[in-house]
PDB file of N, CA and C in Angstrom:
ATOM      1  N   MET A   1      88.830  96.934  85.727  1.00  0.00           N
ATOM      2  CA  MET A   1      90.050  96.499  86.374  1.00  0.00           C
ATOM      3  C   MET A   1      90.803  97.579  86.990  1.00  0.00           C
ATOM      4  N   LEU A   2      90.674  98.948  86.118  1.00  0.00           N
ATOM      5  CA  LEU A   2      91.667 100.303  86.446  1.00  0.00           C
ATOM      6  C   LEU A   2      90.523 100.866  87.300  1.00  0.00           C
ATOM      7  N   GLY A   3      89.216 100.597  87.576  1.00  0.00           N
ATOM      8  CA  GLY A   3      88.579 101.316  88.532  1.00  0.00           C
ATOM      9  C   GLY A   3      88.724 100.494  89.730  1.00  0.00           C
ATOM     10  N   THR A   4      89.106  99.632  90.100  1.00  0.00           N
ATOM     11  CA  THR A   4      89.010  98.399  90.817  1.00  0.00           C
ATOM     12  C   THR A   4      90.910  98.863  91.364  1.00  0.00           C
ATOM     13  N   VAL A   5      91.619  99.033  90.573  1.00  0.00           N
ATOM     14  CA  VAL A   5      92.830  99.353  91.164  1.00  0.00           C
ATOM     15  C   VAL A   5      93.016 101.088  91.680  1.00  0.00           C
ATOM     16  N   ALA A   6      91.885 101.877  91.162  1.00  0.00           N
ATOM     17  CA  ALA A   6      92.144 103.155  91.406  1.00  0.00           C
ATOM     18  C   ALA A   6      91.261 103.110  93.054  1.00  0.00           C
ATOM     19  N   VAL A   7      90.315 102.423  93.022  1.00  0.00           N
ATOM     20  CA  VAL A   7      89.777 102.433  94.329  1.00  0.00           C
ATOM     21  C   VAL A   7      90.746 101.953  95.462  1.00  0.00           C
ATOM     22  N   LEU A   8      91.292 100.822  95.056  1.00  0.00           N
ATOM     23  CA  LEU A   8      92.232 100.089  96.087  1.00  0.00           C
ATOM     24  C   LEU A   8      93.743 101.177  96.779  1.00  0.00           C
ATOM     25  N   LEU A   9      94.039 101.910  95.737  1.00  0.00           N
ATOM     26  CA  LEU A   9      94.895 103.065  95.772  1.00  0.00           C
ATOM     27  C   LEU A   9      94.458 104.219  96.404  1.00  0.00           C
ATOM     28  N   LEU A  10      93.212 104.670  96.474  1.00  0.00           N
ATOM     29  CA  LEU A  10      92.682 105.572  97.483  1.00  0.00           C
ATOM     30  C   LEU A  10      92.434 105.025  98.915  1.00  0.00           C
ATOM     31  N   VAL A  11      91.840 103.710  98.927  1.00  0.00           N
ATOM     32  CA  VAL A  11      91.897 103.045 100.077  1.00  0.00           C
ATOM     33  C   VAL A  11      93.049 102.955 100.924  1.00  0.00           C
ATOM     34  N   LEU A  12      94.187 102.884 100.340  1.00  0.00           N
ATOM     35  CA  LEU A  12      95.505 102.727 100.850  1.00  0.00           C
ATOM     36  C   LEU A  12      95.887 104.232 101.287  1.00  0.00           C
ATOM     37  N   LEU A  13      95.446 105.206 100.419  1.00  0.00           N
ATOM     38  CA  LEU A  13      96.304 106.830 100.503  1.00  0.00           C
ATOM     39  C   LEU A  13      95.493 107.220 102.056  1.00  0.00           C
ATOM     40  N   LEU A  14      93.831 106.869 102.103  1.00  0.00           N
ATOM     41  CA  LEU A  14      93.378 107.538 103.041  1.00  0.00           C
ATOM     42  C   LEU A  14      93.630 106.710 104.174  1.00  0.00           C
ATOM     43  N   GLY A  15      93.921 105.314 104.295  1.00  0.00           N
ATOM     44  CA  GLY A  15      93.718 104.585 105.397  1.00  0.00           C
ATOM     45  C   GLY A  15      95.252 104.698 106.160  1.00  0.00           C
ATOM     46  N   ASN A  16      95.606 103.601 107.176  1.00  0.00           N
ATOM     47  CA  ASN A  16      96.648 103.679 107.715  1.00  0.00           C
ATOM     48  C   ASN A  16      97.003 102.465 107.906  1.00  0.00           C
ATOM     49  N   PRO A  17      97.915 101.321 107.382  1.00  0.00           N
ATOM     50  CA  PRO A  17      98.171 100.054 107.381  1.00  0.00           C
ATOM     51  C   PRO A  17      99.219  99.622 108.475  1.00  0.00           C
ATOM     52  N   TYR A  18      99.592 100.704 109.150  1.00  0.00           N
ATOM     53  CA  TYR A  18     100.653 100.734 110.444  1.00  0.00           C
ATOM     54  C   TYR A  18      99.498 100.602 111.630  1.00  0.00           C
ATOM     55  N   SER A  19      98.585 101.283 111.634  1.00  0.00           N
ATOM     56  CA  SER A  19      97.607 101.400 112.826  1.00  0.00           C
ATOM     57  C   SER A  19      96.147 100.447 112.773  1.00  0.00           C
ATOM     58  N   GLU A  20      95.384 100.364 111.602  1.00  0.00           N
ATOM     59  CA  GLU A  20      94.372  99.795 111.533  1.00  0.00           C
ATOM     60  C   GLU A  20      94.682  98.357 111.568  1.00  0.00           C
ATOM     61  N   VAL A  21      93.517  97.589 112.034  1.00  0.00           N
ATOM     62  CA  VAL A  21      93.549  96.314 112.272  1.00  0.00           C
ATOM     63  C   VAL A  21      93.130  95.325 110.982  1.00  0.00           C
ATOM     64  N   TRP A  22      92.442  96.105 109.912  1.00  0.00           N
ATOM     65  CA  TRP A  22      91.308  95.332 108.756  1.00  0.00           C
ATOM     66  C   TRP A  22      92.219  95.136 107.565  1.00  0.00           C
ATOM     67  N   TRP A  23      93.362  95.603 107.520  1.00  0.00           N
ATOM     68  CA  TRP A  23      94.875  95.453 106.590  1.00  0.00           C
ATOM     69  C   TRP A  23      95.043  94.240 106.523  1.00  0.00           C
ATOM     70  N   LEU A  24      95.020  93.197 104.975  1.00  0.00           N
ATOM     71  CA  LEU A  24      95.569  92.083 105.168  1.00  0.00           C
ATOM     72  C   LEU A  24      96.819  91.836 105.590  1.00  0.00           C
ATOM     73  N   LYS A  25      96.967  90.871 106.249  1.00  0.00           N
ATOM     74  CA  LYS A  25      98.007  90.307 106.647  1.00  0.00           C
ATOM     75  C   LYS A  25      99.023  89.003 105.965  1.00  0.00           C
ATOM     76  N   CYS A  26      99.820  89.265 105.861  1.00  0.00           N
ATOM     77  CA  CYS A  26     100.919  88.012 104.872  1.00  0.00           C
ATOM     78  C   CYS A  26     100.858  86.589 105.952  1.00  0.00           C
ATOM     79  N   PRO A  27      99.964  85.917 104.818  1.00  0.00           N
ATOM     80  CA  PRO A  27      99.966  84.561 105.743  1.00  0.00           C
ATOM     81  C   PRO A  27     101.258  83.779 106.316  1.00  0.00           C
ATOM     82  N   LEU A  28     102.186  84.113 105.244  1.00  0.00           N
ATOM     83  CA  LEU A  28     103.545  83.178 105.616  1.00  0.00           C
ATOM     84  C   LEU A  28     104.187  83.790 106.736  1.00  0.00           C
ATOM     85  N   HIS A  29     104.165  85.223 106.875  1.00  0.00           N
ATOM     86  CA  HIS A  29     104.362  85.952 107.966  1.00  0.00           C
ATOM     87  C   HIS A  29     103.928  85.587 109.410  1.00  0.00           C
ATOM     88  N   THR A  30     102.616  85.426 109.226  1.00  0.00           N
ATOM     89  CA  THR A  30     101.572  84.879 110.508  1.00  0.00           C
ATOM     90  C   THR A  30     101.953  83.925 111.084  1.00  0.00           C
ATOM     91  N   LEU A  31     102.113  82.720 109.845  1.00  0.00           N
ATOM     92  CA  LEU A  31     102.270  81.459 110.235  1.00  0.00           C
ATOM     93  C   LEU A  31     103.589  81.252 110.706  1.00  0.00           C
ATOM     94  N   THR A  32     104.798  81.607 110.182  1.00  0.00           N
ATOM     95  CA  THR A  32     106.146  81.345 110.572  1.00  0.00           C
ATOM     96  C   THR A  32     107.165  82.273 111.179  1.00  0.00           C
ATOM     97  N   GLY A  33     106.363  83.594 110.772  1.00  0.00           N
ATOM     98  CA  GLY A  33     107.543  85.051 111.203  1.00  0.00           C
ATOM     99  C   GLY A  33     108.366  85.300 110.160  1.00  0.00           C
ATOM    100  N   TRP A  34     108.592  84.658 109.108  1.00  0.00           N
ATOM    101  CA  TRP A  34     109.687  84.649 107.859  1.00  0.00           C
ATOM    102  C   TRP A  34     108.620  85.852 106.875  1.00  0.00           C
ATOM    103  N   GLN A  35     109.487  86.439 106.436  1.00  0.00           N
ATOM    104  CA  GLN A  35     109.030  87.562 105.344  1.00  0.00           C
ATOM    105  C   GLN A  35     109.258  87.091 104.041  1.00  0.00           C
ATOM    106  N   CYS A  36     108.069  87.475 103.468  1.00  0.00           N
ATOM    107  CA  CYS A  36     107.782  86.892 101.984  1.00  0.00           C
ATOM    108  C   CYS A  36     108.702  87.822 101.310  1.00  0.00           C
ATOM    109  N   PRO A  37     108.848  87.546  99.784  1.00  0.00           N
ATOM    110  CA  PRO A  37     109.316  88.670  98.920  1.00  0.00           C
ATOM    111  C   PRO A  37     108.432  89.912  98.515  1.00  0.00           C
ATOM    112  N   LEU A  38     106.929  89.525  98.915  1.00  0.00           N
ATOM    113  CA  LEU A  38     106.220  91.005  98.832  1.00  0.00           C
ATOM    114  C   LEU A  38     105.850  92.001 100.481  1.00  0.00           C
ATOM    115  N   CYS A  39     106.489  91.040 101.587  1.00  0.00           N
ATOM    116  CA  CYS A  39     106.084  91.427 102.730  1.00  0.00           C
ATOM    117  C   CYS A  39     106.425  93.194 102.556  1.00  0.00           C
ATOM    118  N   GLY A  40     105.430  93.936 103.101  1.00  0.00           N
ATOM    119  CA  GLY A  40     105.734  95.494 103.417  1.00  0.00           C
ATOM    120  C   GLY A  40     105.147  95.896 102.037  1.00  0.00           C
ATOM    121  N   MET A  41     104.574  95.720 101.530  1.00  0.00           N
ATOM    122  CA  MET A  41     104.068  96.107  99.853  1.00  0.00           C
ATOM    123  C   MET A  41     103.041  96.907 100.352  1.00  0.00           C
ATOM    124  N   GLN A  42     101.899  96.749 101.250  1.00  0.00           N
ATOM    125  CA  GLN A  42     100.958  97.575 101.704  1.00  0.00           C
ATOM    126  C   GLN A  42     101.438  99.109 102.215  1.00  0.00           C
ATOM    127  N   ARG A  43     102.153  98.749 102.958  1.00  0.00           N
ATOM    128  CA  ARG A  43     103.021 100.083 104.005  1.00  0.00           C
ATOM    129  C   ARG A  43     103.895 100.737 103.020  1.00  0.00           C
ATOM    130  N   GLN A  44     104.416  99.985 101.719  1.00  0.00           N
ATOM    131  CA  GLN A  44     105.247 100.498 101.226  1.00  0.00           C
ATOM    132  C   GLN A  44     104.536 101.726 100.259  1.00  0.00           C
ATOM    133  N   LEU A  45     103.447 101.203  99.526  1.00  0.00           N
ATOM    134  CA  LEU A  45     102.599 101.837  98.515  1.00  0.00           C
ATOM    135  C   LEU A  45     102.189 103.105  99.429  1.00  0.00           C
ATOM    136  N   HIS A  46     101.693 102.660 100.946  1.00  0.00           N
ATOM    137  CA  HIS A  46     101.209 104.244 101.558  1.00  0.00           C
ATOM    138  C   HIS A  46     102.221 104.813 101.846  1.00  0.00           C
ATOM    139  N   ALA A  47     103.518 104.172 102.191  1.00  0.00           N
ATOM    140  CA  ALA A  47     104.846 105.434 102.468  1.00  0.00           C
ATOM    141  C   ALA A  47     104.728 106.179 101.005  1.00  0.00           C
ATOM    142  N   LEU A  48     104.916 105.724  99.753  1.00  0.00           N
ATOM    143  CA  LEU A  48     105.176 106.159  98.737  1.00  0.00           C
ATOM    144  C   LEU A  48     104.082 107.227  98.425  1.00  0.00           C
ATOM    145  N   MET A  49     102.881 106.958  98.716  1.00  0.00           N
ATOM    146  CA  MET A  49     101.806 107.850  98.525  1.00  0.00           C
ATOM    147  C   MET A  49     101.900 109.195  99.224  1.00  0.00           C
ATOM    148  N   HIS A  50     102.645 108.993 100.065  1.00  0.00           N
ATOM    149  CA  HIS A  50     102.535 110.102 101.140  1.00  0.00           C
ATOM    150  C   HIS A  50     104.355 110.786 101.084  1.00  0.00           C
ATOM    151  N   PHE A  51     105.151 110.422 100.094  1.00  0.00           N
ATOM    152  CA  PHE A  51     106.105 111.085  99.695  1.00  0.00           C
ATOM    153  C   PHE A  51     107.305 110.654 100.494  1.00  0.00           C
ATOM    154  N   GLN A  52     107.089 109.508 101.354  1.00  0.00           N
ATOM    155  CA  GLN A  52     108.087 108.727 102.424  1.00  0.00           C
ATOM    156  C   GLN A  52     109.215 108.011 101.723  1.00  0.00           C
ATOM    157  N   TRP A  53     110.024 108.367 100.667  1.00  0.00           N
ATOM    158  CA  TRP A  53     111.381 107.507 100.034  1.00  0.00           C
ATOM    159  C   TRP A  53     112.024 106.656 100.784  1.00  0.00           C
ATOM    160  N   ALA A  54     112.438 107.144 101.874  1.00  0.00           N
ATOM    161  CA  ALA A  54     113.167 106.447 102.441  1.00  0.00           C
ATOM    162  C   ALA A  54     112.468 105.138 103.370  1.00  0.00           C
ATOM    163  N   GLU A  55     111.046 105.676 104.097  1.00  0.00           N
ATOM    164  CA  GLU A  55     110.506 104.359 104.514  1.00  0.00           C
ATOM    165  C   GLU A  55     110.152 103.684 103.605  1.00  0.00           C
ATOM    166  N   ALA A  56     109.858 103.766 102.527  1.00  0.00           N
ATOM    167  CA  ALA A  56     109.436 102.828 101.123  1.00  0.00           C
ATOM    168  C   ALA A  56     110.600 101.872 101.007  1.00  0.00           C
ATOM    169  N   TRP A  57     112.095 102.414 101.196  1.00  0.00           N
ATOM    170  CA  TRP A  57     112.910 101.691 100.579  1.00  0.00           C
ATOM    171  C   TRP A  57     113.232 100.504 101.604  1.00  0.00           C
ATOM    172  N   ARG A  58     113.055 101.354 102.781  1.00  0.00           N
ATOM    173  CA  ARG A  58     113.424 100.344 104.424  1.00  0.00           C
ATOM    174  C   ARG A  58     112.936  99.121 104.172  1.00  0.00           C
ATOM    175  N   LEU A  59     111.047  99.382 103.760  1.00  0.00           N
ATOM    176  CA  LEU A  59     110.182  98.463 103.948  1.00  0.00           C
ATOM    177  C   LEU A  59     110.776  96.864 103.069  1.00  0.00           C
ATOM    178  N   ASN A  60     111.121  97.290 101.822  1.00  0.00           N
ATOM    179  CA  ASN A  60     111.560  96.351 100.701  1.00  0.00           C
ATOM    180  C   ASN A  60     111.842  96.884  99.733  1.00  0.00           C
ATOM    181  N   PRO A  61     113.139  96.907  99.463  1.00  0.00           N
ATOM    182  CA  PRO A  61     113.805  97.836  98.405  1.00  0.00           C
ATOM    183  C   PRO A  61     113.835  97.173  97.052  1.00  0.00           C
ATOM    184  N   VAL A  62     114.250  95.491  97.099  1.00  0.00           N
ATOM    185  CA  VAL A  62     113.614  94.869  95.886  1.00  0.00           C
ATOM    186  C   VAL A  62     112.111  94.983  95.443  1.00  0.00           C
ATOM    187  N   LEU A  63     111.402  94.932  96.018  1.00  0.00           N
ATOM    188  CA  LEU A  63     109.966  95.199  95.595  1.00  0.00           C
ATOM    189  C   LEU A  63     110.103  96.964  94.932  1.00  0.00           C
ATOM    190  N   LEU A  64     110.291  97.699  95.387  1.00  0.00           N
ATOM    191  CA  LEU A  64     110.383  99.263  95.060  1.00  0.00           C
ATOM    192  C   LEU A  64     111.005  99.266  93.774  1.00  0.00           C
ATOM    193  N   LEU A  65     112.174  98.436  93.632  1.00  0.00           N
ATOM    194  CA  LEU A  65     112.836  98.640  92.172  1.00  0.00           C
ATOM    195  C   LEU A  65     111.980  97.752  91.204  1.00  0.00           C
ATOM    196  N   SER A  66     111.175  97.067  91.855  1.00  0.00           N
ATOM    197  CA  SER A  66     110.403  96.236  90.545  1.00  0.00           C
ATOM    198  C   SER A  66     109.228  96.909  90.073  1.00  0.00           C
ATOM    199  N   TYR A  67     108.910  97.933  90.854  1.00  0.00           N
ATOM    200  CA  TYR A  67     107.433  98.670  90.179  1.00  0.00           C
ATOM    201  C   TYR A  67     107.472  98.963  89.049  1.00  0.00           C
ATOM    202  N   PRO A  68     108.596  99.287  88.125  1.00  0.00           N
ATOM    203  CA  PRO A  68     108.776  99.854  87.101  1.00  0.00           C
ATOM    204  C   PRO A  68     108.300  98.742  86.074  1.00  0.00           C
ATOM    205  N   TYR A  69     108.476  97.507  86.378  1.00  0.00           N
ATOM    206  CA  TYR A  69     108.506  96.241  85.463  1.00  0.00           C
ATOM    207  C   TYR A  69     107.024  95.790  85.892  1.00  0.00           C
ATOM    208  N   LEU A  70     106.552  96.152  87.116  1.00  0.00           N
ATOM    209  CA  LEU A  70     105.048  95.602  87.259  1.00  0.00           C
ATOM    210  C   LEU A  70     104.362  96.483  86.779  1.00  0.00           C
ATOM    211  N   PHE A  71     104.301  97.936  86.663  1.00  0.00           N
ATOM    212  CA  PHE A  71     103.687  98.590  85.879  1.00  0.00           C
ATOM    213  C   PHE A  71     103.420  98.606  84.541  1.00  0.00           C
ATOM    214  N   LEU A  72     104.474  98.317  83.876  1.00  0.00           N
ATOM    215  CA  LEU A  72     104.659  97.545  82.454  1.00  0.00           C
ATOM    216  C   LEU A  72     103.801  96.276  82.299  1.00  0.00           C
ATOM    217  N   LEU A  73     103.625  95.381  83.181  1.00  0.00           N
ATOM    218  CA  LEU A  73     103.171  94.375  82.976  1.00  0.00           C
ATOM    219  C   LEU A  73     101.772  94.717  83.426  1.00  0.00           C
ATOM    220  N   LEU A  74     101.238  95.587  84.096  1.00  0.00           N
ATOM    221  CA  LEU A  74      99.663  96.179  84.294  1.00  0.00           C
ATOM    222  C   LEU A  74      99.579  96.760  83.038  1.00  0.00           C
ATOM    223  N   LEU A  75     100.220  97.589  82.508  1.00  0.00           N
ATOM    224  CA  LEU A  75      99.811  98.394  81.235  1.00  0.00           C
ATOM    225  C   LEU A  75      99.771  97.241  80.005  1.00  0.00           C
ATOM    226  N   GLY A  76     100.423  96.410  80.228  1.00  0.00           N
ATOM    227  CA  GLY A  76     100.224  94.888  78.904  1.00  0.00           C
ATOM    228  C   GLY A  76      98.549  94.622  79.027  1.00  0.00           C
ATOM    229  N   GLN A  77      98.259  94.474  80.380  1.00  0.00           N
ATOM    230  CA  GLN A  77      96.961  93.822  80.457  1.00  0.00           C
ATOM    231  C   GLN A  77      95.881  94.809  80.022  1.00  0.00           C
ATOM    232  N   LEU A  78      96.209  96.002  80.174  1.00  0.00           N
ATOM    233  CA  LEU A  78      95.205  97.346  79.866  1.00  0.00           C
ATOM    234  C   LEU A  78      95.116  97.798  78.618  1.00  0.00           C
ATOM    235  N   SER A  79      96.335  97.663  77.639  1.00  0.00           N
ATOM    236  CA  SER A  79      96.234  97.806  76.350  1.00  0.00           C
ATOM    237  C   SER A  79      97.272  96.946  75.775  1.00  0.00           C
ATOM    238  N   PRO A  80      96.149  96.018  74.230  1.00  0.00           N
ATOM    239  CA  PRO A  80      96.746  95.153  73.676  1.00  0.00           C
ATOM    240  C   PRO A  80      98.067  96.094  72.737  1.00  0.00           C
ATOM    241  N   ARG A  81      97.812  97.100  72.475  1.00  0.00           N
ATOM    242  CA  ARG A  81      98.902  98.090  71.471  1.00  0.00           C
ATOM    243  C   ARG A  81     100.053  97.801  72.365  1.00  0.00           C
ATOM    244  N   PHE A  82     100.154  98.575  73.374  1.00  0.00           N
ATOM    245  CA  PHE A  82     101.214  98.213  74.303  1.00  0.00           C
ATOM    246  C   PHE A  82     101.785  96.441  74.170  1.00  0.00           C
ATOM    247  N   ARG A  83     101.171  96.140  74.509  1.00  0.00           N
ATOM    248  CA  ARG A  83     101.822  94.477  74.476  1.00  0.00           C
ATOM    249  C   ARG A  83     102.399  93.875  73.227  1.00  0.00           C
ATOM    250  N   ALA A  84     101.705  94.509  72.331  1.00  0.00           N
ATOM    251  CA  ALA A  84     102.331  93.996  71.285  1.00  0.00           C
ATOM    252  C   ALA A  84     103.513  94.964  70.508  1.00  0.00           C
ATOM    253  N   SER A  85     104.240  96.020  71.567  1.00  0.00           N
ATOM    254  CA  SER A  85     104.919  96.668  71.186  1.00  0.00           C
ATOM    255  C   SER A  85     106.374  95.849  71.506  1.00  0.00           C
ATOM    256  N   ARG A  86     107.564  96.498  71.150  1.00  0.00           N
ATOM    257  CA  ARG A  86     108.802  95.632  71.609  1.00  0.00           C
ATOM    258  C   ARG A  86     108.918  95.549  73.052  1.00  0.00           C
ATOM    259  N   LEU A  87     109.135  96.646  73.868  1.00  0.00           N
ATOM    260  CA  LEU A  87     108.902  96.720  75.003  1.00  0.00           C
ATOM    261  C   LEU A  87     107.790  95.723  75.667  1.00  0.00           C
ATOM    262  N   GLY A  88     106.607  95.697  75.276  1.00  0.00           N
ATOM    263  CA  GLY A  88     105.583  94.757  75.758  1.00  0.00           C
ATOM    264  C   GLY A  88     106.087  93.567  75.476  1.00  0.00           C
ATOM    265  N   GLU A  89     106.381  93.181  74.217  1.00  0.00           N
ATOM    266  CA  GLU A  89     106.574  91.567  74.045  1.00  0.00           C
ATOM    267  C   GLU A  89     107.812  91.250  75.205  1.00  0.00           C
ATOM    268  N   TRP A  90     108.610  92.327  75.336  1.00  0.00           N
ATOM    269  CA  TRP A  90     110.009  91.477  75.991  1.00  0.00           C
ATOM    270  C   TRP A  90     109.229  91.335  77.350  1.00  0.00           C
ATOM    271  N   CYS A  91     108.747  92.056  78.143  1.00  0.00           N
ATOM    272  CA  CYS A  91     107.969  92.017  79.212  1.00  0.00           C
ATOM    273  C   CYS A  91     107.387  90.824  79.426  1.00  0.00           C
ATOM    274  N   TYR A  92     107.032  90.159  78.417  1.00  0.00           N
ATOM    275  CA  TYR A  92     105.898  89.104  78.444  1.00  0.00           C
ATOM    276  C   TYR A  92     106.709  88.021  78.156  1.00  0.00           C
ATOM    277  N   ARG A  93     108.099  87.825  77.808  1.00  0.00           N
ATOM    278  CA  ARG A  93     108.584  87.115  77.629  1.00  0.00           C
ATOM    279  C   ARG A  93     108.652  85.804  78.567  1.00  0.00           C
ATOM    280  N   ASN A  94     109.009  84.606  78.422  1.00  0.00           N
ATOM    281  CA  ASN A  94     109.151  83.515  79.451  1.00  0.00           C
ATOM    282  C   ASN A  94     110.071  83.936  80.116  1.00  0.00           C
ATOM    283  N   SER A  95     111.396  84.074  79.577  1.00  0.00           N
ATOM    284  CA  SER A  95     112.428  84.198  80.182  1.00  0.00           C
ATOM    285  C   SER A  95     112.443  85.352  81.252  1.00  0.00           C
ATOM    286  N   VAL A  96     111.981  86.302  80.913  1.00  0.00           N
ATOM    287  CA  VAL A  96     111.994  87.522  81.592  1.00  0.00           C
ATOM    288  C   VAL A  96     111.228  87.489  82.842  1.00  0.00           C
ATOM    289  N   LEU A  97     109.983  86.782  82.567  1.00  0.00           N
ATOM    290  CA  LEU A  97     108.868  86.644  83.863  1.00  0.00           C
ATOM    291  C   LEU A  97     109.343  85.647  84.620  1.00  0.00           C
ATOM    292  N   PHE A  98     110.095  84.975  84.128  1.00  0.00           N
ATOM    293  CA  PHE A  98     110.762  83.632  85.101  1.00  0.00           C
ATOM    294  C   PHE A  98     112.170  84.256  85.927  1.00  0.00           C
ATOM    295  N   ALA A  99     112.726  84.869  85.247  1.00  0.00           N
ATOM    296  CA  ALA A  99     113.992  85.842  86.034  1.00  0.00           C
ATOM    297  C   ALA A  99     113.289  86.756  87.095  1.00  0.00           C
ATOM    298  N   PHE A 100     112.303  87.427  86.849  1.00  0.00           N
ATOM    299  CA  PHE A 100     111.699  88.593  87.414  1.00  0.00           C
ATOM    300  C   PHE A 100     111.207  87.237  88.883  1.00  0.00           C
ATOM    301  N   ILE A 101     110.822  86.391  88.591  1.00  0.00           N
ATOM    302  CA  ILE A 101     110.242  85.367  89.836  1.00  0.00           C
ATOM    303  C   ILE A 101     111.316  84.955  90.645  1.00  0.00           C
ATOM    304  N   GLY A 102     112.494  84.645  89.976  1.00  0.00           N
ATOM    305  CA  GLY A 102     113.612  84.036  90.672  1.00  0.00           C
ATOM    306  C   GLY A 102     114.285  85.286  91.340  1.00  0.00           C
ATOM    307  N   VAL A 103     114.495  86.481  91.167  1.00  0.00           N
ATOM    308  CA  VAL A 103     114.674  87.443  91.880  1.00  0.00           C
ATOM    309  C   VAL A 103     114.042  87.435  93.195  1.00  0.00           C
ATOM    310  N   LEU A 104     112.538  87.683  92.983  1.00  0.00           N
ATOM    311  CA  LEU A 104     111.925  87.585  94.090  1.00  0.00           C
ATOM    312  C   LEU A 104     112.335  86.480  94.972  1.00  0.00           C
ATOM    313  N   LEU A 105     112.061  85.140  94.353  1.00  0.00           N
ATOM    314  CA  LEU A 105     112.379  84.132  95.417  1.00  0.00           C
ATOM    315  C   LEU A 105     113.506  84.333  95.927  1.00  0.00           C
ATOM    316  N   LEU A 106     114.663  84.762  95.338  1.00  0.00           N
ATOM    317  CA  LEU A 106     116.004  84.905  95.694  1.00  0.00           C
ATOM    318  C   LEU A 106     115.773  85.925  97.211  1.00  0.00           C
ATOM    319  N   TRP A 107     115.328  86.815  96.970  1.00  0.00           N
ATOM    320  CA  TRP A 107     115.025  88.255  97.890  1.00  0.00           C
ATOM    321  C   TRP A 107     114.363  87.906  98.957  1.00  0.00           C
ATOM    322  N   GLY A 108     113.388  86.550  99.008  1.00  0.00           N
ATOM    323  CA  GLY A 108     112.707  86.002 100.225  1.00  0.00           C
ATOM    324  C   GLY A 108     113.659  85.287 100.423  1.00  0.00           C
ATOM    325  N   ILE A 109     114.503  84.651 100.425  1.00  0.00           N
ATOM    326  CA  ILE A 109     115.743  84.053 101.187  1.00  0.00           C
ATOM    327  C   ILE A 109     116.410  84.809 101.816  1.00  0.00           C
ATOM    328  N   ILE A 110     117.001  85.705 100.780  1.00  0.00           N
ATOM    329  CA  ILE A 110     118.003  86.590 101.443  1.00  0.00           C
ATOM    330  C   ILE A 110     117.441  87.276 102.714  1.00  0.00           C
ATOM    331  N   ARG A 111     116.247  87.756 102.666  1.00  0.00           N
ATOM    332  CA  ARG A 111     115.780  88.944 103.500  1.00  0.00           C
ATOM    333  C   ARG A 111     115.715  87.802 105.045  1.00  0.00           C
ATOM    334  N   ASN A 112     115.374  86.686 104.905  1.00  0.00           N
ATOM    335  CA  ASN A 112     115.121  86.051 105.929  1.00  0.00           C
ATOM    336  C   ASN A 112     116.235  85.402 106.664  1.00  0.00           C
ATOM    337  N   ILE A 113     117.680  85.346 106.257  1.00  0.00           N
ATOM    338  CA  ILE A 113     118.627  84.769 106.378  1.00  0.00           C
ATOM    339  C   ILE A 113     119.230  85.546 107.760  1.00  0.00           C
TER     340      ILE A 113
END
């Protein structure tokens, strides 16, 4: 799994999601024109890897703020020891996961108003 993530990040670092047509497109945006809570993620990660902080913020500020939590979730998948820690247990509580999903859904509504 870690190797797959590394290869995907390398492709994102070397590729350009702004100009190349083979990058994945958001199905919701393609069909409706609405932006989902994750719209801009590929371009945002590309901007972050090129130290373009303002561009990353402009693309999706809520997603940018959620990366530390998403990193902890990934760490919990890779390390049973971390997942058993107090922080790991907190990250995987149903209430925390549902709150995170709720924030993303609320952001999806707000960004389309």
